[in-house]
Amino acid sequence: MLGNLAITMLPVLIVMAPMYGGGALLIREVVRRTGRSWPGMIVLALAYAVLEEGIITQSLFNPGYLGENLLDYGFLPSPGIALPWTLYVLTLHTVWSISVPIALVETLFPERRTIPWLGRPGLVITGILFAAGSIAIAAATLSTEAFVAPVPQLAAAVVIIIALIVAAFSLPPALHRPASTRPAPNAWTVGAFALAAGSIFMLTTIFTLTLRLSPWWTPVALFLLLDAAVIAAVLSWSGRQGWGDRHRLALAGGALLTYAWYAFPQPSVFLGNSAIDLIGNAVFAAGAILLIAVAARRLQRADSAASLPA
């Protein structure tokens, strides 16, 4: 969906799906099995992001990662990271790699949204696939990048991951807030907000991290402000009367459509913005729209069934 891998590279999903999908599924199962809610889910998603970029690919520390010199822009010598790249890639994984897929699949099956999907054998198999996929990606990255971060940086990443996991399970199972009498906004408004926020995030990436048309602190400030605005809005809206699955779908759908448009200006790794690449982007964008439509239809049917007499 991001556009960096062309449709001709679909076979790489054999390696990537166990890590990405396995990570999302494990996080979702742990949160639902322990009776926790979305704040814990998001904190665990951030822990996954640190694991992938700090340990598996080590892009947070590699100055020559993918030949892009990602650490030249906003480099901080003490931690050995570039703050703009760090904020960008951790947000990317927290929101799009983990949270959006979980929300989308849960709205596709609203009657099973908060219950576990896997038994013990399923959890074990998913864990094994996740570990195998992570090791495979790490090995492939090591073979192409020939870079290993210093031990203090790797140790710091491990400590941060552990701290985030502890923080996720230190949060209360559910947020207890005073009941609001204000109605939740229309789902279309929520979806437009998600699409706008995601688009601002990606446009900031294009004009700062990619083109570097501004001082490095500009994207840092914009990323932080945007994150704060989205968190504040969702916390406020989700506590209002009428908030439900349609609004969750709108948030996830708006974010998914951000990827759909961003894929077109984003050149693929090997094919650039060739005709094949653009056709693939169109196919994935159509698939995203279809997925959102199917989820909306299922929610409509669930609402209709719930309104029928017993």
Protein backbone atom coordinates (compact mmCIF):
# COMPACT_ATOMS: atom_id res chain seq x y z
CA MET A 1 0.00 0.00 0.00
CA LEU A 2 2.84 2.44 0.73
CA GLY A 3 4.06 2.25 -2.87
CA ASN A 4 7.71 1.49 -2.14
CA LEU A 5 7.28 -2.12 -3.33
CA ALA A 6 5.76 -2.69 -6.77
CA ILE A 7 2.98 -5.20 -7.41
CA THR A 8 5.55 -7.45 -9.11
CA MET A 9 7.15 -7.94 -5.67
CA LEU A 10 4.10 -9.56 -4.08
CA PRO A 11 6.07 -12.78 -3.38
CA VAL A 12 8.05 -10.93 -0.67
CA LEU A 13 4.87 -11.15 1.42
CA ILE A 14 5.92 -14.72 2.16
CA VAL A 15 8.67 -13.23 4.33
CA MET A 16 7.10 -9.93 5.36
CA ALA A 17 3.59 -11.08 6.28
CA PRO A 18 4.71 -13.29 9.21
CA MET A 19 6.53 -10.35 10.80
CA TYR A 20 3.99 -7.58 10.12
CA GLY A 21 0.83 -9.65 10.31
CA GLY A 22 2.16 -11.84 13.09
CA GLY A 23 3.11 -8.79 15.15
CA ALA A 24 -0.30 -7.18 14.67
CA LEU A 25 -2.16 -10.39 15.48
CA LEU A 26 -0.11 -11.10 18.62
CA ILE A 27 -0.60 -7.56 19.90
CA ARG A 28 -4.32 -7.73 19.23
CA GLU A 29 -4.70 -11.10 20.95
CA VAL A 30 -2.73 -10.06 24.03
CA VAL A 31 -4.77 -6.88 24.43
CA ARG A 32 -8.13 -8.58 23.96
CA ARG A 33 -7.25 -11.56 26.16
CA THR A 34 -6.23 -9.27 29.03
CA GLY A 35 -9.33 -7.12 28.68
CA ARG A 36 -7.43 -4.00 27.77
CA SER A 37 -8.37 -1.36 25.25
CA TRP A 38 -6.90 0.76 22.48
CA PRO A 39 -4.43 2.82 24.55
CA GLY A 40 -2.62 -0.40 25.48
CA MET A 41 -2.84 -1.57 21.87
CA ILE A 42 -1.16 1.61 20.63
CA VAL A 43 1.62 1.47 23.22
CA LEU A 44 2.37 -2.12 22.21
CA ALA A 45 2.30 -1.03 18.56
CA LEU A 46 4.98 1.54 19.41
CA ALA A 47 7.02 -1.22 21.07
CA TYR A 48 6.74 -3.21 17.83
CA ALA A 49 7.94 -0.16 15.89
CA VAL A 50 11.04 0.13 18.06
CA LEU A 51 11.67 -3.60 17.69
CA GLU A 52 11.49 -3.49 13.89
CA GLU A 53 13.50 -0.32 13.29
CA GLY A 54 15.83 -0.53 16.29
CA ILE A 55 16.63 -4.25 16.40
CA ILE A 56 15.49 -6.02 13.22
CA THR A 57 16.42 -3.53 10.48
CA GLN A 58 18.37 -1.10 12.72
CA SER A 59 17.41 1.81 10.46
CA LEU A 60 17.31 4.08 13.50
CA PHE A 61 21.09 3.76 13.83
CA ASN A 62 22.36 2.94 10.33
CA PRO A 63 23.68 6.11 8.61
CA GLY A 64 23.68 4.43 5.19
CA TYR A 65 20.38 2.54 5.40
CA LEU A 66 19.07 1.84 1.87
CA GLY A 67 21.59 4.36 0.59
CA GLU A 68 19.32 7.23 1.67
CA ASN A 69 21.57 8.88 4.31
CA LEU A 70 18.56 9.09 6.59
CA LEU A 71 20.59 10.13 9.63
CA ASP A 72 22.14 13.22 8.01
CA TYR A 73 18.98 15.25 8.59
CA GLY A 74 18.51 16.14 12.27
CA PHE A 75 21.21 13.84 13.64
CA LEU A 76 21.64 13.79 17.43
CA PRO A 77 25.15 12.54 18.32
CA SER A 78 24.40 11.39 21.87
CA PRO A 79 21.69 8.79 21.11
CA GLY A 80 23.04 8.30 17.58
CA ILE A 81 19.71 8.82 15.84
CA ALA A 82 18.11 11.36 13.51
CA LEU A 83 15.04 12.71 15.30
CA PRO A 84 12.94 13.41 12.14
CA TRP A 85 13.46 9.91 10.76
CA THR A 86 12.87 8.32 14.16
CA LEU A 87 9.56 10.10 14.71
CA TYR A 88 8.44 9.41 11.16
CA VAL A 89 9.17 5.69 11.01
CA LEU A 90 7.94 4.93 14.54
CA THR A 91 4.66 6.73 13.84
CA LEU A 92 4.39 4.90 10.52
CA HIS A 93 4.58 1.48 12.16
CA THR A 94 2.50 2.39 15.22
CA VAL A 95 -0.38 3.71 13.13
CA TRP A 96 -0.25 1.98 9.75
CA SER A 97 1.65 -1.27 10.31
CA ILE A 98 -0.25 -2.32 13.45
CA SER A 99 -3.19 -0.16 14.54
CA VAL A 100 -4.93 0.35 11.19
CA PRO A 101 -4.92 -3.36 10.19
CA ILE A 102 -6.26 -4.38 13.60
CA ALA A 103 -9.06 -1.81 13.48
CA LEU A 104 -10.00 -2.75 9.92
CA VAL A 105 -10.23 -6.47 10.57
CA GLU A 106 -12.16 -5.94 13.80
CA THR A 107 -14.76 -3.87 11.94
CA LEU A 108 -15.00 -6.59 9.30
CA PHE A 109 -16.12 -8.96 12.07
CA PRO A 110 -17.97 -6.66 14.52
CA GLU A 111 -19.57 -9.51 16.45
CA ARG A 112 -16.09 -10.74 17.42
CA ARG A 113 -14.40 -7.37 17.82
CA THR A 114 -13.37 -7.70 21.45
CA ILE A 115 -12.99 -11.46 21.87
CA PRO A 116 -9.87 -13.57 21.17
CA TRP A 117 -9.52 -15.07 17.72
CA LEU A 118 -6.84 -17.65 18.46
CA GLY A 119 -6.60 -20.64 20.74
CA ARG A 120 -3.33 -21.75 22.29
CA PRO A 121 -2.14 -23.61 19.18
CA GLY A 122 -2.90 -20.54 17.08
CA LEU A 123 -0.95 -18.31 19.44
CA VAL A 124 2.05 -20.65 19.34
CA ILE A 125 1.99 -20.89 15.54
CA THR A 126 1.62 -17.12 15.17
CA GLY A 127 4.49 -16.55 17.59
CA ILE A 128 6.72 -18.95 15.66
CA LEU A 129 5.83 -17.30 12.34
CA PHE A 130 6.48 -13.84 13.79
CA ALA A 131 9.88 -14.91 15.11
CA ALA A 132 10.77 -16.62 11.83
CA GLY A 133 9.71 -13.61 9.78
CA SER A 134 11.63 -11.23 12.02
CA ILE A 135 14.78 -13.34 11.80
CA ALA A 136 14.45 -13.60 8.02
CA ILE A 137 14.07 -9.83 7.63
CA ALA A 138 16.99 -9.22 9.98
CA ALA A 139 19.19 -11.66 8.06
CA ALA A 140 18.24 -10.14 4.71
CA THR A 141 18.93 -6.64 6.00
CA LEU A 142 22.28 -7.68 7.43
CA SER A 143 23.31 -9.28 4.15
CA THR A 144 22.55 -6.12 2.16
CA GLU A 145 23.47 -3.41 4.65
CA ALA A 146 26.47 -5.04 6.38
CA PHE A 147 25.77 -2.88 9.42
CA VAL A 148 25.40 -3.79 13.08
CA ALA A 149 24.59 -1.05 15.57
CA PRO A 150 26.83 -0.61 18.62
CA VAL A 151 25.84 -2.64 21.66
CA PRO A 152 24.80 0.42 23.75
CA GLN A 153 22.31 1.46 21.06
CA LEU A 154 20.85 -2.03 20.74
CA ALA A 155 20.66 -2.30 24.54
CA ALA A 156 18.86 1.04 24.72
CA ALA A 157 16.33 -0.18 22.15
CA VAL A 158 15.70 -3.34 24.18
CA VAL A 159 15.20 -1.29 27.36
CA ILE A 160 12.73 0.99 25.58
CA ILE A 161 10.79 -1.98 24.22
CA ILE A 162 10.55 -3.53 27.69
CA ALA A 163 9.52 -0.19 29.21
CA LEU A 164 6.76 0.23 26.62
CA ILE A 165 5.45 -3.29 27.24
CA VAL A 166 5.38 -2.63 30.98
CA ALA A 167 3.65 0.69 30.37
CA ALA A 168 1.02 -0.97 28.18
CA PHE A 169 0.11 -3.42 30.95
CA SER A 170 0.25 -0.72 33.60
CA LEU A 171 -2.59 1.14 31.93
CA PRO A 172 -6.06 0.39 33.30
CA PRO A 173 -8.04 -2.16 31.30
CA ALA A 174 -10.39 0.59 30.17
CA LEU A 175 -10.36 4.36 30.38
CA HIS A 176 -12.74 5.65 33.03
CA ARG A 177 -13.95 9.09 32.05
CA PRO A 178 -17.00 11.11 33.02
CA ALA A 179 -19.88 10.31 30.69
CA SER A 180 -20.27 13.02 28.08
CA THR A 181 -23.69 14.16 26.97
CA ARG A 182 -22.30 15.56 23.73
CA PRO A 183 -22.94 13.44 20.64
CA ALA A 184 -20.05 11.90 18.75
CA PRO A 185 -19.28 13.53 15.41
CA ASN A 186 -20.55 12.06 12.17
CA ALA A 187 -18.48 9.10 10.96
CA TRP A 188 -17.79 10.91 7.67
CA THR A 189 -16.31 13.80 9.65
CA VAL A 190 -14.08 11.38 11.57
CA GLY A 191 -12.94 9.73 8.34
CA ALA A 192 -12.18 13.08 6.71
CA PHE A 193 -10.21 14.10 9.80
CA ALA A 194 -8.17 10.87 9.68
CA LEU A 195 -7.47 11.33 5.98
CA ALA A 196 -6.48 14.96 6.49
CA ALA A 197 -4.20 14.16 9.44
CA GLY A 198 -2.55 11.29 7.57
CA SER A 199 -2.13 13.44 4.47
CA ILE A 200 -0.49 16.25 6.45
CA PHE A 201 1.85 13.66 7.94
CA MET A 202 2.83 12.33 4.52
CA LEU A 203 3.13 15.76 2.90
CA THR A 204 5.39 16.83 5.75
CA THR A 205 7.49 13.77 4.99
CA ILE A 206 7.73 14.63 1.30
CA PHE A 207 8.73 18.25 1.75
CA THR A 208 11.06 17.77 4.73
CA LEU A 209 12.54 14.28 5.07
CA THR A 210 12.62 13.63 1.32
CA LEU A 211 13.28 17.05 -0.23
CA ARG A 212 14.73 18.61 2.95
CA LEU A 213 13.33 22.03 2.16
CA SER A 214 13.27 23.17 5.78
CA PRO A 215 15.32 22.97 8.99
CA TRP A 216 15.13 19.54 10.60
CA TRP A 217 13.21 20.80 13.62
CA THR A 218 10.25 21.73 11.38
CA PRO A 219 9.08 18.14 10.73
CA VAL A 220 9.80 17.25 14.36
CA ALA A 221 7.49 20.00 15.56
CA LEU A 222 4.82 19.15 12.98
CA PHE A 223 4.93 15.42 13.78
CA LEU A 224 4.59 16.05 17.50
CA LEU A 225 1.78 18.59 17.08
CA LEU A 226 -0.06 16.28 14.71
CA ASP A 227 0.27 13.30 17.05
CA ALA A 228 -0.99 15.39 19.97
CA ALA A 229 -3.93 16.74 17.96
CA VAL A 230 -5.03 13.29 16.79
CA ILE A 231 -4.73 11.76 20.26
CA ALA A 232 -6.68 14.63 21.83
CA ALA A 233 -9.43 14.48 19.21
CA VAL A 234 -9.89 10.71 19.41
CA LEU A 235 -9.85 10.71 23.22
CA SER A 236 -12.53 13.39 23.23
CA TRP A 237 -14.73 11.87 20.54
CA SER A 238 -14.54 8.29 21.81
CA GLY A 239 -16.00 9.36 25.15
CA ARG A 240 -19.11 10.85 23.59
CA GLN A 241 -22.53 9.33 23.09
CA GLY A 242 -22.93 7.30 19.93
CA TRP A 243 -19.25 6.53 19.35
CA GLY A 244 -18.95 3.06 17.89
CA ASP A 245 -17.70 0.75 15.17
CA ARG A 246 -18.56 3.13 12.35
CA HIS A 247 -16.25 5.75 13.83
CA ARG A 248 -13.46 3.19 14.32
CA LEU A 249 -13.84 2.17 10.68
CA ALA A 250 -13.76 5.83 9.64
CA LEU A 251 -10.49 6.40 11.50
CA ALA A 252 -8.88 3.31 10.01
CA GLY A 253 -10.35 3.95 6.56
CA GLY A 254 -9.10 7.53 6.44
CA ALA A 255 -5.63 6.36 7.38
CA LEU A 256 -5.74 3.57 4.78
CA LEU A 257 -6.75 6.02 2.04
CA THR A 258 -3.73 8.13 2.99
CA TYR A 259 -1.51 5.24 1.95
CA ALA A 260 -3.59 4.82 -1.21
CA TRP A 261 -2.83 8.32 -2.55
CA TYR A 262 0.72 8.49 -1.17
CA ALA A 263 1.69 5.38 -3.15
CA PHE A 264 1.43 7.28 -6.45
CA PRO A 265 4.17 9.91 -5.83
CA GLN A 266 6.21 7.31 -3.92
CA PRO A 267 8.53 5.53 -6.41
CA SER A 268 8.98 1.81 -5.98
CA VAL A 269 12.39 0.44 -5.10
CA PHE A 270 13.22 -1.11 -8.48
CA LEU A 271 10.61 0.17 -10.94
CA GLY A 272 10.38 3.83 -9.96
CA ASN A 273 7.14 5.45 -11.12
CA SER A 274 6.82 3.15 -14.13
CA ALA A 275 3.53 2.09 -15.69
CA ILE A 276 3.63 -1.24 -13.84
CA ASP A 277 4.19 0.53 -10.55
CA LEU A 278 1.31 2.95 -11.12
CA ILE A 279 -1.02 0.13 -12.21
CA GLY A 280 -0.15 -1.73 -9.03
CA ASN A 281 -0.87 1.39 -6.96
CA ALA A 282 -4.27 1.69 -8.63
CA VAL A 283 -5.04 -1.97 -7.92
CA PHE A 284 -4.14 -1.61 -4.25
CA ALA A 285 -6.09 1.65 -3.93
CA ALA A 286 -9.16 -0.03 -5.41
CA GLY A 287 -8.68 -2.92 -3.00
CA ALA A 288 -8.53 -0.48 -0.08
CA ILE A 289 -11.77 1.20 -1.13
CA LEU A 290 -13.44 -2.20 -1.58
CA LEU A 291 -12.27 -3.33 1.86
CA ILE A 292 -13.70 -0.21 3.50
CA ALA A 293 -16.97 -0.67 1.63
CA VAL A 294 -17.26 -4.32 2.69
CA ALA A 295 -16.58 -3.40 6.32
CA ALA A 296 -19.20 -0.63 6.20
CA ARG A 297 -21.73 -3.05 4.71
CA ARG A 298 -21.06 -5.61 7.43
CA LEU A 299 -21.51 -2.97 10.12
CA GLN A 300 -24.80 -1.96 8.54
CA ARG A 301 -26.00 -5.56 8.57
CA ALA A 302 -24.88 -5.97 12.20
CA ASP A 303 -26.81 -2.84 13.17
CA SER A 304 -29.90 -4.08 11.36
CA ALA A 305 -29.71 -7.47 13.09
CA ALA A 306 -29.26 -5.83 16.49
CA SER A 307 -32.38 -3.70 15.99
CA LEU A 308 -34.63 -6.71 15.28
CA PRO A 309 -36.86 -8.02 18.11
CA ALA A 310 -35.46 -10.98 20.03
